Amino acid sequence: MCRIVSYLGTPVLLEDLLYSPDSALLNQIIHAQMLDMLNLAGFGMAAWDPASHGPDSPFVYRTTQVGVFDRNLKLLASKVAPHALLAHIRGVPYNSSVQINEQNVHPFKFDRVPLAMAHNGDLAGFRTMRFDLVEHVRPELAQHIQGSTDSEWLYALTVSGLADPYRINEPDAILAAIGQALAIVRDVRARHGITRSSSCNLIFCDGVNLIAVRYTFDFGRFEQARLQGTMQFLSMWYTFGRDYGLHGDEWKLVGGAASADSIIVASEPLTRDIATWIEVPEYSALVVRRDGDRRRAEIHALEV
């Protein structure tokens, strides 16, 4: 299984999200706290930097290298200060059938589509399901699918569900498209008699909105040996406040909900002290909305 971190708020140095905290995303490649698995199949990110040329379009970086050895990433992280970030380290089963290539590295973002997505989980029986999903993906978007992952198809299904995928959409429209994509997958699974537990934690960001989903199809049902990383309901956490940085000896946001202008969502807390982190409930979506100078987080129940 993979690890994800997303940030939305006042600009912060990439290094302070990817490297500096004791359980920062890059440290989770080999020392994840809530996953007994190494994440060795690549790193990717979309980072929206307000000081960059064309700030509405993110800086995108993908590599199949193991991120802890990536000098270029380390140097970039010490210079780029985004106001929004979606970053992902890819974890896959340890066998020769897995394809390790740049096309399969998250996050996924089609050309001219503002919304990006990263996935933590797997869809059992995806090879059987894949061709039933084609009819639900807009032809002009389907031609952008380059990789072989279930994750990219989940992304294609979601953006196809938007009335206009080529603009920034309202949070409710994005949430509705996610719900529609999950419903399509649920129906196709039923059509093929697929009932194996399949994790589907998703985080979407477009530089303005952030929506995170914690979801599993048929949780705990394994007809055969369990898939790697699917022994438990995969975790998702968030923390919000302002002035992200090193406060005392802890990396955190301060001030709480009353003055929150920033939020971090992650597969697991970035710090060993999780007192300021809240777990996203199972079968729910976390929707981040702008409220004047503040950002507020809402939890929406999802259909099981």
Protein backbone atom coordinates (compact mmCIF):
# COMPACT_ATOMS: atom_id res chain seq x y z
CA MET A 1 0.00 0.00 0.00
CA CYS A 2 1.03 3.59 -0.57
CA ARG A 3 1.41 6.72 1.55
CA ILE A 4 0.00 10.16 0.70
CA VAL A 5 0.23 13.67 2.09
CA SER A 6 -1.74 16.71 0.93
CA TYR A 7 -1.55 20.31 2.12
CA LEU A 8 -3.71 23.37 1.48
CA GLY A 9 -3.06 26.73 3.11
CA THR A 10 -0.43 29.44 3.41
CA PRO A 11 2.81 28.67 1.52
CA VAL A 12 5.21 26.30 3.28
CA LEU A 13 8.56 24.89 2.25
CA LEU A 14 8.25 21.44 0.65
CA GLU A 15 11.11 20.26 2.82
CA ASP A 16 8.99 20.85 5.92
CA LEU A 17 6.33 18.42 4.69
CA LEU A 18 8.46 15.83 2.89
CA TYR A 19 11.58 15.63 5.04
CA SER A 20 11.67 17.59 8.31
CA PRO A 21 9.04 15.98 10.63
CA ASP A 22 10.08 12.72 12.27
CA SER A 23 7.43 10.82 10.28
CA ALA A 24 7.52 12.98 7.14
CA LEU A 25 6.37 11.43 3.88
CA LEU A 26 9.86 10.52 2.63
CA ASN A 27 10.66 8.89 5.96
CA GLN A 28 7.59 6.68 5.49
CA ILE A 29 9.27 4.93 2.56
CA ILE A 30 11.06 2.69 5.02
CA HIS A 31 9.67 3.71 8.44
CA ALA A 32 5.89 4.09 8.12
CA GLN A 33 4.24 4.00 11.54
CA MET A 34 0.90 2.57 10.43
CA LEU A 35 1.92 0.21 7.64
CA ASP A 36 4.19 -2.82 7.93
CA MET A 37 5.48 -2.50 4.39
CA LEU A 38 8.20 -0.70 2.41
CA ASN A 39 7.14 1.83 -0.25
CA LEU A 40 9.77 1.43 -2.97
CA ALA A 41 7.94 1.91 -6.28
CA GLY A 42 8.35 5.63 -6.87
CA PHE A 43 7.51 9.15 -5.72
CA GLY A 44 5.32 11.82 -7.29
CA MET A 45 3.86 15.20 -6.42
CA ALA A 46 1.82 18.08 -7.74
CA ALA A 47 2.72 21.36 -6.02
CA TRP A 48 0.93 24.67 -6.59
CA ASP A 49 3.45 27.47 -5.94
CA PRO A 50 1.93 31.00 -5.85
CA ALA A 51 5.32 32.53 -6.75
CA SER A 52 5.79 30.40 -9.87
CA HIS A 53 5.01 31.19 -13.49
CA GLY A 54 1.38 30.22 -14.09
CA PRO A 55 0.56 29.60 -10.40
CA ASP A 56 -2.80 27.97 -11.26
CA SER A 57 -0.92 25.02 -12.80
CA PRO A 58 1.06 22.80 -10.45
CA PHE A 59 4.70 21.86 -10.64
CA VAL A 60 4.61 18.09 -11.30
CA TYR A 61 7.46 15.75 -10.38
CA ARG A 62 7.48 11.97 -10.85
CA THR A 63 10.24 9.43 -10.47
CA THR A 64 10.57 5.67 -10.08
CA GLN A 65 13.59 6.21 -7.86
CA VAL A 66 13.35 5.44 -4.18
CA GLY A 67 12.75 8.96 -2.88
CA VAL A 68 15.22 8.87 0.00
CA PHE A 69 18.04 8.59 -2.56
CA ASP A 70 16.73 11.34 -4.86
CA ARG A 71 19.14 14.30 -4.64
CA ASN A 72 17.16 16.36 -7.14
CA LEU A 73 14.02 16.06 -5.03
CA LYS A 74 15.91 17.05 -1.90
CA LEU A 75 17.28 20.17 -3.59
CA LEU A 76 13.88 21.13 -5.01
CA ALA A 77 12.25 20.66 -1.62
CA SER A 78 14.59 23.23 -0.11
CA LYS A 79 13.49 25.87 -2.66
CA VAL A 80 9.81 25.37 -3.53
CA ALA A 81 7.13 26.75 -1.17
CA PRO A 82 3.67 25.68 -2.37
CA HIS A 83 0.30 26.71 -1.00
CA ALA A 84 -1.12 23.36 -2.10
CA LEU A 85 0.50 19.95 -2.38
CA LEU A 86 -0.48 16.39 -3.27
CA ALA A 87 2.45 13.99 -2.82
CA HIS A 88 2.58 10.19 -2.94
CA ILE A 89 5.02 7.34 -2.39
CA ARG A 90 4.02 4.15 -4.17
CA GLY A 91 3.94 0.81 -2.43
CA VAL A 92 3.24 -2.36 -4.41
CA PRO A 93 3.21 -6.13 -3.80
CA TYR A 94 6.66 -7.66 -3.90
CA ASN A 95 6.41 -9.74 -7.06
CA SER A 96 7.55 -9.62 -10.69
CA SER A 97 4.04 -9.01 -12.10
CA VAL A 98 4.06 -5.39 -10.88
CA GLN A 99 5.01 -2.70 -13.40
CA ILE A 100 7.37 -0.04 -12.05
CA ASN A 101 7.35 2.86 -14.49
CA GLU A 102 6.75 6.59 -14.50
CA GLN A 103 3.28 6.19 -16.04
CA ASN A 104 2.11 4.38 -12.89
CA VAL A 105 3.48 6.95 -10.42
CA HIS A 106 0.88 9.11 -8.65
CA PRO A 107 -0.62 11.68 -8.51
CA PHE A 108 -2.59 11.48 -11.72
CA LYS A 109 -3.51 14.67 -13.57
CA PHE A 110 -4.65 14.78 -17.18
CA ASP A 111 -3.64 17.62 -19.48
CA ARG A 112 -5.74 20.78 -18.92
CA VAL A 113 -7.68 19.11 -16.08
CA PRO A 114 -7.01 21.06 -12.84
CA LEU A 115 -7.94 18.21 -10.51
CA ALA A 116 -5.22 15.76 -9.44
CA MET A 117 -5.65 12.51 -7.50
CA ALA A 118 -3.57 10.05 -5.48
CA HIS A 119 -4.76 6.61 -4.31
CA ASN A 120 -3.84 4.41 -1.38
CA GLY A 121 -5.25 0.93 -1.91
CA ASP A 122 -6.08 -1.59 -4.61
CA LEU A 123 -9.05 -2.84 -6.62
CA ALA A 124 -9.18 -6.64 -6.58
CA GLY A 125 -10.03 -8.08 -9.99
CA PHE A 126 -9.12 -4.88 -11.79
CA ARG A 127 -8.00 -6.68 -14.96
CA THR A 128 -11.46 -8.27 -15.17
CA MET A 129 -13.24 -4.98 -14.49
CA ARG A 130 -11.22 -2.62 -16.62
CA PHE A 131 -13.05 -2.94 -19.93
CA ASP A 132 -16.45 -2.52 -18.25
CA LEU A 133 -15.28 0.88 -17.03
CA VAL A 134 -14.49 2.24 -20.51
CA GLU A 135 -18.08 3.25 -21.27
CA HIS A 136 -18.10 5.49 -18.17
CA VAL A 137 -14.97 7.46 -19.14
CA ARG A 138 -15.21 10.36 -21.58
CA PRO A 139 -13.41 9.39 -24.81
CA GLU A 140 -11.29 12.56 -24.80
CA LEU A 141 -10.15 11.69 -21.27
CA ALA A 142 -9.70 7.96 -21.88
CA GLN A 143 -7.01 8.73 -24.46
CA HIS A 144 -4.87 10.26 -21.69
CA ILE A 145 -4.68 7.00 -19.71
CA GLN A 146 -1.07 5.87 -20.05
CA GLY A 147 -0.44 3.47 -17.19
CA SER A 148 -1.73 0.09 -16.08
CA THR A 149 -3.07 0.91 -12.62
CA ASP A 150 -6.55 0.77 -11.14
CA SER A 151 -5.75 4.17 -9.63
CA GLU A 152 -5.57 5.99 -12.96
CA TRP A 153 -8.95 4.52 -13.95
CA LEU A 154 -10.48 5.70 -10.66
CA TYR A 155 -9.18 9.17 -11.51
CA ALA A 156 -10.54 8.98 -15.08
CA LEU A 157 -13.96 7.88 -13.80
CA THR A 158 -14.08 10.77 -11.33
CA VAL A 159 -13.08 13.59 -13.68
CA SER A 160 -15.48 12.14 -16.30
CA GLY A 161 -18.26 12.68 -13.77
CA LEU A 162 -17.64 16.44 -13.63
CA ALA A 163 -19.86 18.64 -15.78
CA ASP A 164 -16.75 20.52 -16.89
CA PRO A 165 -13.51 18.75 -15.91
CA TYR A 166 -11.41 21.54 -17.46
CA ARG A 167 -12.21 24.15 -14.81
CA ILE A 168 -12.01 24.46 -11.03
CA ASN A 169 -15.18 22.84 -9.69
CA GLU A 170 -17.04 23.44 -6.44
CA PRO A 171 -16.33 20.94 -3.63
CA ASP A 172 -19.86 19.50 -3.81
CA ALA A 173 -19.48 18.78 -7.53
CA ILE A 174 -16.18 16.99 -6.93
CA LEU A 175 -17.69 14.98 -4.07
CA ALA A 176 -20.64 13.98 -6.26
CA ALA A 177 -18.26 12.83 -9.02
CA ILE A 178 -16.29 10.75 -6.53
CA GLY A 179 -19.51 9.16 -5.26
CA GLN A 180 -20.55 8.37 -8.83
CA ALA A 181 -17.17 6.76 -9.58
CA LEU A 182 -17.39 4.56 -6.48
CA ALA A 183 -20.94 3.55 -7.44
CA ILE A 184 -19.78 2.54 -10.94
CA VAL A 185 -16.99 0.41 -9.49
CA ARG A 186 -19.44 -1.12 -7.00
CA ASP A 187 -21.81 -2.09 -9.82
CA VAL A 188 -19.05 -3.56 -11.99
CA ARG A 189 -17.72 -5.57 -9.06
CA ALA A 190 -21.19 -7.01 -8.50
CA ARG A 191 -21.56 -7.82 -12.21
CA HIS A 192 -18.37 -9.90 -12.10
CA GLY A 193 -18.98 -11.38 -8.65
CA ILE A 194 -15.92 -9.65 -7.18
CA THR A 195 -16.26 -9.48 -3.41
CA ARG A 196 -12.65 -9.39 -2.27
CA SER A 197 -11.76 -6.57 0.12
CA SER A 198 -10.46 -3.59 -1.89
CA SER A 199 -9.10 -0.43 -0.30
CA CYS A 200 -9.92 2.88 -1.94
CA ASN A 201 -8.49 5.81 0.01
CA LEU A 202 -8.34 8.79 -2.35
CA ILE A 203 -7.15 12.38 -2.06
CA PHE A 204 -8.05 15.02 -4.67
CA CYS A 205 -6.58 18.52 -4.95
CA ASP A 206 -6.73 21.26 -7.59
CA GLY A 207 -4.89 24.02 -5.76
CA VAL A 208 -8.19 25.44 -4.45
CA ASN A 209 -10.10 22.42 -3.14
CA LEU A 210 -9.00 19.39 -1.15
CA ILE A 211 -11.24 16.35 -0.76
CA ALA A 212 -10.14 13.08 0.85
CA VAL A 213 -12.02 9.77 0.87
CA ARG A 214 -11.55 6.84 3.24
CA TYR A 215 -13.30 3.86 1.73
CA THR A 216 -13.08 0.09 1.24
CA PHE A 217 -15.21 -2.23 -0.87
CA ASP A 218 -16.25 -5.38 1.07
CA PHE A 219 -13.90 -4.71 3.96
CA GLY A 220 -12.33 -7.79 5.53
CA ARG A 221 -13.56 -10.26 2.92
CA PHE A 222 -10.73 -12.41 1.54
CA GLU A 223 -11.53 -15.53 -0.45
CA GLN A 224 -7.82 -16.34 -0.75
CA ALA A 225 -4.64 -15.06 0.87
CA ARG A 226 -4.81 -11.42 1.89
CA LEU A 227 -3.28 -8.81 -0.36
CA GLN A 228 -0.23 -7.04 1.04
CA GLY A 229 -1.19 -4.01 3.08
CA THR A 230 -4.92 -4.83 3.29
CA MET A 231 -5.06 -6.49 6.70
CA GLN A 232 -6.73 -3.45 8.26
CA PHE A 233 -8.88 -0.53 7.15
CA LEU A 234 -6.23 1.80 5.75
CA SER A 235 -5.86 4.92 7.84
CA MET A 236 -6.29 8.60 6.95
CA TRP A 237 -5.67 11.57 9.26
CA TYR A 238 -5.91 15.34 9.17
CA THR A 239 -4.82 18.33 11.23
CA PHE A 240 -5.70 21.99 10.77
CA GLY A 241 -4.71 25.39 12.15
CA ARG A 242 -2.23 28.01 11.04
CA ASP A 243 1.49 28.82 11.04
CA TYR A 244 2.77 25.34 10.19
CA GLY A 245 6.32 24.87 11.41
CA LEU A 246 8.51 23.72 14.25
CA HIS A 247 6.85 24.81 17.49
CA GLY A 248 9.01 23.83 20.43
CA ASP A 249 10.25 20.41 19.38
CA GLU A 250 7.20 19.43 17.31
CA TRP A 251 6.19 20.12 13.70
CA LYS A 252 2.54 21.16 13.71
CA LEU A 253 -0.20 23.62 12.88
CA VAL A 254 -1.34 25.75 15.82
CA GLY A 255 -4.50 27.62 16.80
CA GLY A 256 -7.04 24.89 16.08
CA ALA A 257 -10.26 25.22 14.08
CA ALA A 258 -11.15 28.72 15.28
CA SER A 259 -8.35 30.35 13.28
CA ALA A 260 -7.48 27.62 10.78
CA ASP A 261 -6.22 28.77 7.38
CA SER A 262 -4.33 25.57 6.55
CA ILE A 263 -4.88 21.80 6.62
CA ILE A 264 -2.75 18.69 6.20
CA VAL A 265 -4.29 15.35 5.22
CA ALA A 266 -2.14 12.22 5.25
CA SER A 267 -2.24 8.43 5.31
CA GLU A 268 -0.72 8.74 8.75
CA PRO A 269 0.36 11.64 11.00
CA LEU A 270 3.66 13.26 10.07
CA THR A 271 4.71 13.34 13.72
CA ARG A 272 4.99 10.65 16.37
CA ASP A 273 2.87 12.81 18.70
CA ILE A 274 -0.62 12.52 17.17
CA ALA A 275 -2.41 14.71 19.73
CA THR A 276 -3.22 17.40 17.13
CA TRP A 277 -4.31 14.89 14.46
CA ILE A 278 -7.87 13.62 13.84
CA GLU A 279 -8.65 10.31 12.13
CA VAL A 280 -11.00 10.50 9.14
CA PRO A 281 -13.89 8.08 9.87
CA GLU A 282 -14.31 4.94 7.79
CA TYR A 283 -16.65 5.28 4.79
CA SER A 284 -16.52 9.06 4.75
CA ALA A 285 -15.16 12.02 2.83
CA LEU A 286 -13.30 14.99 4.28
CA VAL A 287 -14.24 18.17 2.38
CA VAL A 288 -12.20 21.35 2.91
CA ARG A 289 -14.07 24.60 2.27
CA ARG A 290 -12.94 28.20 2.18
CA ASP A 291 -14.82 30.38 4.69
CA GLY A 292 -13.49 33.93 4.33
CA ASP A 293 -9.92 33.90 5.61
CA ARG A 294 -10.47 30.51 7.25
CA ARG A 295 -10.69 26.94 6.02
CA ARG A 296 -13.08 24.51 7.60
CA ALA A 297 -13.26 20.75 7.38
CA GLU A 298 -16.51 18.82 6.94
CA ILE A 299 -17.10 15.07 7.17
CA HIS A 300 -19.61 13.53 4.76
CA ALA A 301 -20.82 9.94 5.01
CA LEU A 302 -20.41 7.78 1.89
CA GLU A 303 -22.67 5.02 0.63
CA VAL A 304 -21.26 1.63 1.56
